[in-house]
Amino acid sequence: MQDLSNISSLISDIANYDSEAAYKKLFILLFPSVKRFVRCIVKSSPVAEELAADVMITLWRNRADLPGVRNIMVYAFVIAKNLSLNFLKKNSRRQIVSFDDVDITLEADNITPEQILISDELKTRLNQSIDALPPRCKMIFKLIREDGLSYKEVAEILDISVKTVDAQLVIAVRRLSEAVKKEYNLS
């Protein structure tokens, strides 16, 4: 989530004027990160999309309370966590299939087909290694590395200590580093 500079004014417009235009901008800022977070929990892209939309609806319904929220991102993630856990509890007897499609674009100008193939292979292996991380470790890694949240924000969302977040991230980075070294015979 990059553009946090005008988030206070968006929240003010949503809360005070029921501004749908401001809500749409807030939706565009929050929805992708919330959806990624939910997908880490429920392991299903369609369900993640639906639950992330429910989070955004909850924000709209509670718009009068938003000015009192210290950090809208943490607030949205806590709502997402609760909705996701409720979903899993209701559907605990069913197996949920994951369709994690990570879209990464290459930004170099003169890339050869061989470089693209190697890059795609590395991306695939890295994603496999990330998926092999323990669930909590994987979620913390994605929240910090992909969503750009701080350790403190992740600790608040998951209701754990900052030291636990740090320890889990160290474990994730160590395991990913070992996987890459093993795959490419690096020492």
N, C-alpha and C. Protein backbone atom coordinates (compact mmCIF):
# COMPACT_ATOMS: atom_id res chain seq x y z
N MET A 1 0.84 -1.17 0.00
CA MET A 1 0.00 0.00 0.00
C MET A 1 0.89 1.23 0.00
N GLN A 2 0.89 1.98 -1.09
CA GLN A 2 1.81 3.09 -1.24
C GLN A 2 1.24 4.44 -0.81
N ASP A 3 0.04 4.80 -1.22
CA ASP A 3 -0.47 6.16 -1.09
C ASP A 3 -1.28 6.34 0.19
N LEU A 4 -0.57 6.59 1.30
CA LEU A 4 -1.25 6.79 2.58
C LEU A 4 -1.40 8.27 2.91
N SER A 5 -0.83 9.15 2.07
CA SER A 5 -0.80 10.57 2.39
C SER A 5 -2.19 11.20 2.49
N ASN A 6 -3.10 10.81 1.63
CA ASN A 6 -4.42 11.45 1.65
C ASN A 6 -5.49 10.58 2.31
N ILE A 7 -5.08 9.55 3.01
CA ILE A 7 -6.05 8.62 3.59
C ILE A 7 -6.91 9.29 4.66
N SER A 8 -6.33 10.20 5.43
CA SER A 8 -7.10 10.90 6.47
C SER A 8 -8.22 11.72 5.86
N SER A 9 -7.91 12.38 4.75
CA SER A 9 -8.96 13.20 4.11
C SER A 9 -10.03 12.31 3.49
N LEU A 10 -9.64 11.15 2.97
CA LEU A 10 -10.63 10.21 2.43
C LEU A 10 -11.57 9.73 3.54
N ILE A 11 -10.98 9.36 4.67
CA ILE A 11 -11.78 8.88 5.80
C ILE A 11 -12.73 9.97 6.28
N SER A 12 -12.22 11.19 6.35
CA SER A 12 -13.06 12.32 6.77
C SER A 12 -14.24 12.51 5.81
N ASP A 13 -13.96 12.46 4.51
CA ASP A 13 -15.03 12.64 3.51
C ASP A 13 -16.05 11.50 3.58
N ILE A 14 -15.56 10.29 3.80
CA ILE A 14 -16.46 9.14 3.90
C ILE A 14 -17.35 9.27 5.14
N ALA A 15 -16.73 9.60 6.28
CA ALA A 15 -17.47 9.67 7.54
C ALA A 15 -18.42 10.86 7.61
N ASN A 16 -17.95 12.01 7.16
CA ASN A 16 -18.73 13.24 7.33
C ASN A 16 -19.71 13.53 6.20
N TYR A 17 -19.36 13.08 4.98
CA TYR A 17 -20.18 13.44 3.82
C TYR A 17 -20.73 12.24 3.07
N ASP A 18 -20.52 11.03 3.60
CA ASP A 18 -20.93 9.80 2.91
C ASP A 18 -20.45 9.79 1.46
N SER A 19 -19.22 10.25 1.27
CA SER A 19 -18.66 10.40 -0.08
C SER A 19 -18.34 9.04 -0.71
N GLU A 20 -19.10 8.70 -1.73
CA GLU A 20 -18.84 7.45 -2.45
C GLU A 20 -17.56 7.54 -3.27
N ALA A 21 -17.22 8.75 -3.74
CA ALA A 21 -15.98 8.93 -4.50
C ALA A 21 -14.77 8.66 -3.60
N ALA A 22 -14.82 9.17 -2.38
CA ALA A 22 -13.72 8.93 -1.43
C ALA A 22 -13.66 7.45 -1.05
N TYR A 23 -14.82 6.83 -0.89
CA TYR A 23 -14.87 5.40 -0.56
C TYR A 23 -14.26 4.58 -1.69
N LYS A 24 -14.55 4.96 -2.92
CA LYS A 24 -13.99 4.24 -4.08
C LYS A 24 -12.46 4.32 -4.06
N LYS A 25 -11.92 5.50 -3.74
CA LYS A 25 -10.46 5.66 -3.67
C LYS A 25 -9.89 4.80 -2.54
N LEU A 26 -10.57 4.79 -1.39
CA LEU A 26 -10.12 3.97 -0.27
C LEU A 26 -10.18 2.49 -0.65
N PHE A 27 -11.23 2.10 -1.34
CA PHE A 27 -11.39 0.73 -1.81
C PHE A 27 -10.21 0.33 -2.69
N ILE A 28 -9.85 1.20 -3.64
CA ILE A 28 -8.74 0.93 -4.55
C ILE A 28 -7.42 0.79 -3.79
N LEU A 29 -7.26 1.57 -2.72
CA LEU A 29 -6.04 1.50 -1.92
C LEU A 29 -5.96 0.23 -1.07
N LEU A 30 -7.07 -0.15 -0.47
CA LEU A 30 -7.05 -1.24 0.51
C LEU A 30 -7.34 -2.63 -0.05
N PHE A 31 -8.25 -2.72 -1.00
CA PHE A 31 -8.77 -4.02 -1.43
C PHE A 31 -7.69 -5.04 -1.84
N PRO A 32 -6.71 -4.67 -2.69
CA PRO A 32 -5.73 -5.69 -3.10
C PRO A 32 -4.96 -6.30 -1.93
N SER A 33 -4.54 -5.47 -0.99
CA SER A 33 -3.78 -5.97 0.16
C SER A 33 -4.66 -6.83 1.07
N VAL A 34 -5.88 -6.39 1.29
CA VAL A 34 -6.81 -7.16 2.13
C VAL A 34 -7.09 -8.51 1.48
N LYS A 35 -7.29 -8.51 0.18
CA LYS A 35 -7.57 -9.77 -0.54
C LYS A 35 -6.38 -10.74 -0.43
N ARG A 36 -5.16 -10.22 -0.60
CA ARG A 36 -3.96 -11.07 -0.47
C ARG A 36 -3.87 -11.66 0.93
N PHE A 37 -4.14 -10.83 1.93
CA PHE A 37 -4.09 -11.28 3.32
C PHE A 37 -5.11 -12.39 3.56
N VAL A 38 -6.33 -12.18 3.11
CA VAL A 38 -7.39 -13.17 3.30
C VAL A 38 -7.04 -14.47 2.57
N ARG A 39 -6.47 -14.35 1.37
CA ARG A 39 -6.10 -15.54 0.61
C ARG A 39 -5.06 -16.38 1.35
N CYS A 40 -4.18 -15.72 2.10
CA CYS A 40 -3.21 -16.46 2.93
C CYS A 40 -3.90 -17.30 3.98
N ILE A 41 -5.04 -16.83 4.45
CA ILE A 41 -5.75 -17.55 5.52
C ILE A 41 -6.66 -18.63 4.95
N VAL A 42 -7.47 -18.28 3.95
CA VAL A 42 -8.50 -19.22 3.47
C VAL A 42 -8.04 -20.10 2.32
N LYS A 43 -6.92 -19.77 1.70
CA LYS A 43 -6.33 -20.58 0.62
C LYS A 43 -7.23 -20.72 -0.61
N SER A 44 -8.02 -19.71 -0.90
CA SER A 44 -8.90 -19.75 -2.06
C SER A 44 -9.10 -18.33 -2.58
N SER A 45 -8.73 -18.11 -3.84
CA SER A 45 -8.88 -16.77 -4.43
C SER A 45 -10.33 -16.30 -4.50
N PRO A 46 -11.27 -17.14 -4.96
CA PRO A 46 -12.66 -16.65 -5.01
C PRO A 46 -13.22 -16.30 -3.62
N VAL A 47 -12.91 -17.12 -2.64
CA VAL A 47 -13.38 -16.84 -1.28
C VAL A 47 -12.70 -15.59 -0.75
N ALA A 48 -11.41 -15.45 -1.04
CA ALA A 48 -10.67 -14.26 -0.59
C ALA A 48 -11.28 -12.99 -1.17
N GLU A 49 -11.65 -13.05 -2.44
CA GLU A 49 -12.27 -11.89 -3.07
C GLU A 49 -13.60 -11.53 -2.38
N GLU A 50 -14.39 -12.54 -2.09
CA GLU A 50 -15.68 -12.31 -1.45
C GLU A 50 -15.51 -11.75 -0.03
N LEU A 51 -14.59 -12.34 0.73
CA LEU A 51 -14.37 -11.88 2.10
C LEU A 51 -13.74 -10.49 2.13
N ALA A 52 -12.84 -10.21 1.18
CA ALA A 52 -12.25 -8.87 1.11
C ALA A 52 -13.33 -7.83 0.78
N ALA A 53 -14.26 -8.20 -0.08
CA ALA A 53 -15.38 -7.30 -0.38
C ALA A 53 -16.23 -7.09 0.87
N ASP A 54 -16.41 -8.14 1.67
CA ASP A 54 -17.15 -8.01 2.93
C ASP A 54 -16.45 -7.05 3.89
N VAL A 55 -15.12 -7.09 3.89
CA VAL A 55 -14.36 -6.15 4.73
C VAL A 55 -14.65 -4.72 4.30
N MET A 56 -14.63 -4.50 2.99
CA MET A 56 -14.87 -3.15 2.48
C MET A 56 -16.30 -2.69 2.78
N ILE A 57 -17.24 -3.61 2.71
CA ILE A 57 -18.64 -3.28 3.05
C ILE A 57 -18.73 -2.92 4.54
N THR A 58 -18.02 -3.67 5.37
CA THR A 58 -18.01 -3.37 6.80
C THR A 58 -17.44 -1.98 7.06
N LEU A 59 -16.39 -1.62 6.34
CA LEU A 59 -15.82 -0.28 6.49
C LEU A 59 -16.86 0.78 6.12
N TRP A 60 -17.60 0.56 5.04
CA TRP A 60 -18.63 1.52 4.64
C TRP A 60 -19.73 1.61 5.70
N ARG A 61 -20.17 0.47 6.19
CA ARG A 61 -21.24 0.47 7.20
C ARG A 61 -20.80 1.15 8.50
N ASN A 62 -19.53 1.03 8.82
CA ASN A 62 -18.99 1.63 10.05
C ASN A 62 -18.29 2.96 9.77
N ARG A 63 -18.64 3.61 8.68
CA ARG A 63 -17.94 4.82 8.25
C ARG A 63 -17.96 5.94 9.29
N ALA A 64 -19.01 6.03 10.08
CA ALA A 64 -19.09 7.08 11.09
C ALA A 64 -18.01 6.90 12.16
N ASP A 65 -17.56 5.66 12.37
CA ASP A 65 -16.55 5.38 13.39
C ASP A 65 -15.12 5.50 12.85
N LEU A 66 -14.95 5.60 11.54
CA LEU A 66 -13.61 5.58 10.95
C LEU A 66 -12.68 6.70 11.41
N PRO A 67 -13.17 7.93 11.64
CA PRO A 67 -12.23 8.96 12.10
C PRO A 67 -11.55 8.61 13.43
N GLY A 68 -12.16 7.78 14.24
CA GLY A 68 -11.56 7.37 15.51
C GLY A 68 -10.57 6.23 15.37
N VAL A 69 -10.45 5.67 14.18
CA VAL A 69 -9.52 4.55 13.94
C VAL A 69 -8.12 5.11 13.74
N ARG A 70 -7.17 4.61 14.52
CA ARG A 70 -5.80 5.10 14.45
C ARG A 70 -5.10 4.71 13.15
N ASN A 71 -5.28 3.47 12.71
CA ASN A 71 -4.62 2.97 11.50
C ASN A 71 -5.64 2.15 10.71
N ILE A 72 -6.11 2.71 9.61
CA ILE A 72 -7.18 2.07 8.83
C ILE A 72 -6.73 0.73 8.27
N MET A 73 -5.45 0.60 7.93
CA MET A 73 -4.94 -0.65 7.36
C MET A 73 -5.02 -1.77 8.40
N VAL A 74 -4.57 -1.48 9.61
CA VAL A 74 -4.62 -2.48 10.68
C VAL A 74 -6.07 -2.83 10.98
N TYR A 75 -6.93 -1.82 11.03
CA TYR A 75 -8.35 -2.01 11.29
C TYR A 75 -8.96 -2.95 10.24
N ALA A 76 -8.65 -2.69 8.96
CA ALA A 76 -9.17 -3.52 7.86
C ALA A 76 -8.65 -4.96 7.96
N PHE A 77 -7.37 -5.11 8.31
CA PHE A 77 -6.80 -6.45 8.42
C PHE A 77 -7.39 -7.22 9.60
N VAL A 78 -7.69 -6.54 10.69
CA VAL A 78 -8.31 -7.22 11.83
C VAL A 78 -9.71 -7.71 11.45
N ILE A 79 -10.46 -6.86 10.75
CA ILE A 79 -11.78 -7.28 10.26
C ILE A 79 -11.62 -8.49 9.33
N ALA A 80 -10.64 -8.41 8.43
CA ALA A 80 -10.39 -9.50 7.48
C ALA A 80 -10.03 -10.79 8.20
N LYS A 81 -9.18 -10.68 9.21
CA LYS A 81 -8.79 -11.87 9.98
C LYS A 81 -10.02 -12.51 10.63
N ASN A 82 -10.84 -11.68 11.26
CA ASN A 82 -12.02 -12.21 11.95
C ASN A 82 -13.01 -12.86 10.97
N LEU A 83 -13.27 -12.20 9.85
CA LEU A 83 -14.17 -12.78 8.84
C LEU A 83 -13.61 -14.09 8.29
N SER A 84 -12.30 -14.12 8.06
CA SER A 84 -11.65 -15.32 7.52
C SER A 84 -11.73 -16.48 8.50
N LEU A 85 -11.45 -16.19 9.76
CA LEU A 85 -11.51 -17.26 10.77
C LEU A 85 -12.93 -17.76 10.95
N ASN A 86 -13.90 -16.86 10.90
CA ASN A 86 -15.31 -17.28 10.97
C ASN A 86 -15.67 -18.16 9.78
N PHE A 87 -15.19 -17.78 8.60
CA PHE A 87 -15.44 -18.58 7.40
C PHE A 87 -14.84 -19.98 7.56
N LEU A 88 -13.59 -20.04 8.02
CA LEU A 88 -12.93 -21.34 8.19
C LEU A 88 -13.65 -22.20 9.22
N LYS A 89 -14.13 -21.57 10.27
CA LYS A 89 -14.85 -22.31 11.31
C LYS A 89 -16.13 -22.92 10.73
N LYS A 90 -16.85 -22.14 9.92
CA LYS A 90 -18.10 -22.62 9.32
C LYS A 90 -17.86 -23.70 8.28
N ASN A 91 -16.72 -23.63 7.61
CA ASN A 91 -16.44 -24.55 6.50
C ASN A 91 -15.30 -25.51 6.83
N SER A 92 -15.11 -25.81 8.10
CA SER A 92 -13.96 -26.62 8.51
C SER A 92 -14.01 -28.05 7.98
N ARG A 93 -15.16 -28.53 7.62
CA ARG A 93 -15.27 -29.91 7.13
C ARG A 93 -14.97 -30.02 5.64
N ARG A 94 -14.96 -28.88 4.95
CA ARG A 94 -14.70 -28.88 3.52
C ARG A 94 -13.25 -28.54 3.23
N GLN A 95 -12.68 -29.17 2.24
CA GLN A 95 -11.32 -28.86 1.80
C GLN A 95 -11.38 -27.68 0.84
N ILE A 96 -10.55 -26.68 1.07
CA ILE A 96 -10.53 -25.50 0.21
C ILE A 96 -9.30 -25.60 -0.69
N VAL A 97 -9.49 -25.40 -1.98
CA VAL A 97 -8.42 -25.48 -2.95
C VAL A 97 -7.83 -24.10 -3.18
N SER A 98 -6.52 -24.02 -3.25
CA SER A 98 -5.84 -22.75 -3.45
C SER A 98 -5.50 -22.55 -4.92
N PHE A 99 -5.78 -21.36 -5.41
CA PHE A 99 -5.39 -20.98 -6.77
C PHE A 99 -4.57 -19.71 -6.69
N ASP A 100 -3.41 -19.78 -6.06
CA ASP A 100 -2.57 -18.59 -5.91
C ASP A 100 -1.87 -18.29 -7.24
N ASP A 101 -2.33 -17.24 -7.88
CA ASP A 101 -1.70 -16.80 -9.12
C ASP A 101 -1.01 -15.47 -8.83
N VAL A 102 0.31 -15.51 -8.77
CA VAL A 102 1.05 -14.30 -8.50
C VAL A 102 1.45 -13.70 -9.83
N ASP A 103 1.11 -12.43 -10.01
CA ASP A 103 1.39 -11.75 -11.26
C ASP A 103 2.59 -10.85 -11.06
N ILE A 104 3.70 -11.20 -11.68
CA ILE A 104 4.91 -10.39 -11.59
C ILE A 104 5.29 -9.97 -13.00
N THR A 105 5.49 -8.67 -13.20
CA THR A 105 5.88 -8.17 -14.52
C THR A 105 7.37 -7.88 -14.52
N LEU A 106 8.00 -8.14 -15.63
CA LEU A 106 9.42 -7.87 -15.79
C LEU A 106 9.59 -6.48 -16.37
N GLU A 107 10.54 -5.71 -15.81
CA GLU A 107 10.66 -4.31 -16.21
C GLU A 107 11.91 -4.01 -17.01
N ALA A 108 12.71 -4.97 -17.35
CA ALA A 108 13.90 -4.70 -18.15
C ALA A 108 13.53 -4.59 -19.62
N ASP A 109 14.34 -3.84 -20.38
CA ASP A 109 14.03 -3.59 -21.79
C ASP A 109 14.48 -4.72 -22.71
N ASN A 110 15.70 -5.18 -22.55
CA ASN A 110 16.27 -6.16 -23.47
C ASN A 110 16.40 -7.52 -22.80
N ILE A 111 15.30 -8.16 -22.58
CA ILE A 111 15.31 -9.47 -21.93
C ILE A 111 15.20 -10.55 -23.00
N THR A 112 16.10 -11.51 -22.91
CA THR A 112 16.07 -12.61 -23.87
C THR A 112 15.06 -13.66 -23.41
N PRO A 113 14.60 -14.50 -24.33
CA PRO A 113 13.68 -15.57 -23.94
C PRO A 113 14.29 -16.48 -22.86
N GLU A 114 15.59 -16.71 -22.95
CA GLU A 114 16.26 -17.55 -21.94
C GLU A 114 16.18 -16.89 -20.56
N GLN A 115 16.40 -15.56 -20.50
CA GLN A 115 16.31 -14.85 -19.23
C GLN A 115 14.89 -14.89 -18.67
N ILE A 116 13.91 -14.79 -19.55
CA ILE A 116 12.51 -14.86 -19.11
C ILE A 116 12.23 -16.24 -18.52
N LEU A 117 12.71 -17.28 -19.20
CA LEU A 117 12.51 -18.65 -18.73
C LEU A 117 13.16 -18.86 -17.36
N ILE A 118 14.40 -18.39 -17.22
CA ILE A 118 15.11 -18.52 -15.95
C ILE A 118 14.38 -17.74 -14.85
N SER A 119 13.94 -16.52 -15.19
CA SER A 119 13.23 -15.69 -14.22
C SER A 119 11.92 -16.35 -13.79
N ASP A 120 11.18 -16.89 -14.76
CA ASP A 120 9.92 -17.57 -14.43
C ASP A 120 10.17 -18.80 -13.57
N GLU A 121 11.25 -19.53 -13.88
CA GLU A 121 11.58 -20.72 -13.10
C GLU A 121 11.94 -20.32 -11.67
N LEU A 122 12.75 -19.26 -11.53
CA LEU A 122 13.13 -18.80 -10.19
C LEU A 122 11.90 -18.32 -9.42
N LYS A 123 11.02 -17.59 -10.10
CA LYS A 123 9.79 -17.11 -9.46
C LYS A 123 8.94 -18.29 -8.98
N THR A 124 8.82 -19.30 -9.83
CA THR A 124 8.03 -20.48 -9.47
C THR A 124 8.64 -21.20 -8.27
N ARG A 125 9.95 -21.39 -8.28
CA ARG A 125 10.62 -22.08 -7.17
C ARG A 125 10.50 -21.27 -5.88
N LEU A 126 10.65 -19.95 -6.00
CA LEU A 126 10.54 -19.09 -4.82
C LEU A 126 9.12 -19.13 -4.25
N ASN A 127 8.12 -19.08 -5.14
CA ASN A 127 6.73 -19.17 -4.67
C ASN A 127 6.44 -20.52 -4.03
N GLN A 128 7.03 -21.59 -4.58
CA GLN A 128 6.86 -22.91 -3.96
C GLN A 128 7.49 -22.93 -2.57
N SER A 129 8.64 -22.29 -2.44
CA SER A 129 9.31 -22.23 -1.14
C SER A 129 8.50 -21.40 -0.15
N ILE A 130 7.91 -20.30 -0.62
CA ILE A 130 7.07 -19.47 0.25
C ILE A 130 5.84 -20.26 0.68
N ASP A 131 5.23 -20.98 -0.26
CA ASP A 131 4.05 -21.79 0.07
C ASP A 131 4.37 -22.92 1.04
N ALA A 132 5.63 -23.37 1.05
CA ALA A 132 6.03 -24.45 1.94
C ALA A 132 6.31 -23.97 3.37
N LEU A 133 6.36 -22.66 3.56
CA LEU A 133 6.58 -22.13 4.91
C LEU A 133 5.41 -22.49 5.81
N PRO A 134 5.65 -22.59 7.11
CA PRO A 134 4.53 -22.80 8.03
C PRO A 134 3.51 -21.66 7.87
N PRO A 135 2.23 -21.93 8.07
CA PRO A 135 1.19 -20.93 7.78
C PRO A 135 1.41 -19.56 8.42
N ARG A 136 1.71 -19.53 9.70
CA ARG A 136 1.89 -18.24 10.37
C ARG A 136 3.12 -17.51 9.81
N CYS A 137 4.18 -18.25 9.60
CA CYS A 137 5.42 -17.71 9.06
C CYS A 137 5.18 -17.13 7.67
N LYS A 138 4.44 -17.87 6.85
CA LYS A 138 4.11 -17.43 5.49
C LYS A 138 3.28 -16.15 5.52
N MET A 139 2.29 -16.11 6.40
CA MET A 139 1.43 -14.94 6.47
C MET A 139 2.23 -13.70 6.89
N ILE A 140 3.08 -13.84 7.90
CA ILE A 140 3.89 -12.73 8.37
C ILE A 140 4.83 -12.26 7.26
N PHE A 141 5.46 -13.20 6.57
CA PHE A 141 6.36 -12.86 5.47
C PHE A 141 5.63 -12.05 4.41
N LYS A 142 4.44 -12.51 4.00
CA LYS A 142 3.69 -11.82 2.95
C LYS A 142 3.19 -10.45 3.40
N LEU A 143 2.76 -10.33 4.63
CA LEU A 143 2.28 -9.04 5.12
C LEU A 143 3.40 -8.00 5.14
N ILE A 144 4.60 -8.43 5.50
CA ILE A 144 5.72 -7.49 5.58
C ILE A 144 6.33 -7.25 4.21
N ARG A 145 6.63 -8.31 3.47
CA ARG A 145 7.33 -8.17 2.19
C ARG A 145 6.43 -7.74 1.04
N GLU A 146 5.21 -8.25 0.97
CA GLU A 146 4.33 -7.92 -0.16
C GLU A 146 3.43 -6.73 0.12
N ASP A 147 2.95 -6.62 1.35
CA ASP A 147 2.02 -5.54 1.67
C ASP A 147 2.71 -4.35 2.31
N GLY A 148 3.98 -4.50 2.67
CA GLY A 148 4.75 -3.38 3.20
C GLY A 148 4.34 -2.93 4.59
N LEU A 149 3.73 -3.81 5.36
CA LEU A 149 3.33 -3.44 6.72
C LEU A 149 4.55 -3.49 7.65
N SER A 150 4.49 -2.72 8.71
CA SER A 150 5.56 -2.72 9.70
C SER A 150 5.39 -3.92 10.63
N TYR A 151 6.45 -4.23 11.36
CA TYR A 151 6.39 -5.33 12.32
C TYR A 151 5.28 -5.06 13.34
N LYS A 152 5.20 -3.81 13.78
CA LYS A 152 4.20 -3.44 14.79
C LYS A 152 2.78 -3.64 14.26
N GLU A 153 2.55 -3.24 13.00
CA GLU A 153 1.22 -3.40 12.40
C GLU A 153 0.85 -4.88 12.29
N VAL A 154 1.80 -5.69 11.87
CA VAL A 154 1.55 -7.13 11.75
C VAL A 154 1.27 -7.73 13.13
N ALA A 155 2.02 -7.28 14.13
CA ALA A 155 1.80 -7.77 15.50
C ALA A 155 0.39 -7.42 15.98
N GLU A 156 -0.07 -6.21 15.68
CA GLU A 156 -1.42 -5.81 16.07
C GLU A 156 -2.48 -6.65 15.35
N ILE A 157 -2.29 -6.85 14.06
CA ILE A 157 -3.26 -7.60 13.27
C ILE A 157 -3.39 -9.03 13.77
N LEU A 158 -2.26 -9.67 14.04
CA LEU A 158 -2.25 -11.08 14.42
C LEU A 158 -2.30 -11.29 15.93
N ASP A 159 -2.30 -10.19 16.68
CA ASP A 159 -2.38 -10.24 18.14
C ASP A 159 -1.22 -11.06 18.72
N ILE A 160 0.00 -10.72 18.26
CA ILE A 160 1.22 -11.35 18.76
C ILE A 160 2.23 -10.24 19.05
N SER A 161 3.36 -10.60 19.66
CA SER A 161 4.36 -9.59 19.98
C SER A 161 5.21 -9.26 18.75
N VAL A 162 5.84 -8.09 18.79
CA VAL A 162 6.73 -7.67 17.70
C VAL A 162 7.91 -8.63 17.61
N LYS A 163 8.38 -9.13 18.75
CA LYS A 163 9.50 -10.08 18.75
C LYS A 163 9.12 -11.38 18.05
N THR A 164 7.87 -11.81 18.20
CA THR A 164 7.40 -13.01 17.50
C THR A 164 7.39 -12.76 16.00
N VAL A 165 6.93 -11.58 15.59
CA VAL A 165 6.93 -11.22 14.17
C VAL A 165 8.36 -11.28 13.64
N ASP A 166 9.29 -10.67 14.37
CA ASP A 166 10.69 -10.66 13.95
C ASP A 166 11.24 -12.08 13.85
N ALA A 167 10.98 -12.89 14.85
CA ALA A 167 11.48 -14.28 14.84
C ALA A 167 10.91 -15.06 13.66
N GLN A 168 9.62 -14.90 13.39
CA GLN A 168 8.99 -15.61 12.27
C GLN A 168 9.56 -15.15 10.93
N LEU A 169 9.84 -13.86 10.81
CA LEU A 169 10.41 -13.35 9.56
C LEU A 169 11.83 -13.87 9.37
N VAL A 170 12.59 -13.96 10.44
CA VAL A 170 13.94 -14.53 10.36
C VAL A 170 13.86 -15.98 9.89
N ILE A 171 12.93 -16.73 10.44
CA ILE A 171 12.75 -18.13 10.02
C ILE A 171 12.40 -18.20 8.54
N ALA A 172 11.48 -17.35 8.10
CA ALA A 172 11.05 -17.36 6.69
C ALA A 172 12.22 -17.04 5.77
N VAL A 173 12.95 -15.99 6.07
CA VAL A 173 14.07 -15.59 5.21
C VAL A 173 15.15 -16.67 5.20
N ARG A 174 15.42 -17.26 6.35
CA ARG A 174 16.43 -18.32 6.43
C ARG A 174 16.01 -19.52 5.57
N ARG A 175 14.76 -19.94 5.69
CA ARG A 175 14.28 -21.09 4.91
C ARG A 175 14.29 -20.80 3.41
N LEU A 176 13.89 -19.60 3.03
CA LEU A 176 13.89 -19.24 1.60
C LEU A 176 15.31 -19.18 1.07
N SER A 177 16.21 -18.62 1.86
CA SER A 177 17.62 -18.55 1.47
C SER A 177 18.20 -19.95 1.29
N GLU A 178 17.90 -20.84 2.23
CA GLU A 178 18.38 -22.23 2.13
C GLU A 178 17.81 -22.93 0.91
N ALA A 179 16.54 -22.67 0.60
CA ALA A 179 15.91 -23.31 -0.56
C ALA A 179 16.57 -22.84 -1.86
N VAL A 180 16.85 -21.54 -1.96
CA VAL A 180 17.48 -21.01 -3.17
C VAL A 180 18.90 -21.55 -3.28
N LYS A 181 19.64 -21.56 -2.18
CA LYS A 181 21.01 -22.09 -2.21
C LYS A 181 21.01 -23.56 -2.63
N LYS A 182 20.10 -24.34 -2.09
CA LYS A 182 20.02 -25.76 -2.42
C LYS A 182 19.65 -25.96 -3.89
N GLU A 183 18.67 -25.19 -4.37
CA GLU A 183 18.19 -25.32 -5.75
C GLU A 183 19.27 -24.99 -6.76
N TYR A 184 20.08 -23.97 -6.47
CA TYR A 184 21.07 -23.51 -7.44
C TYR A 184 22.50 -23.84 -7.02
N ASN A 185 22.65 -24.78 -6.09
CA ASN A 185 23.97 -25.26 -5.65
C ASN A 185 24.91 -24.12 -5.27
N LEU A 186 24.40 -23.18 -4.50
CA LEU A 186 25.21 -22.08 -4.00
C LEU A 186 25.68 -22.43 -2.60
N SER A 187 26.86 -21.90 -2.23
CA SER A 187 27.32 -22.22 -0.88
C SER A 187 27.27 -21.07 0.06
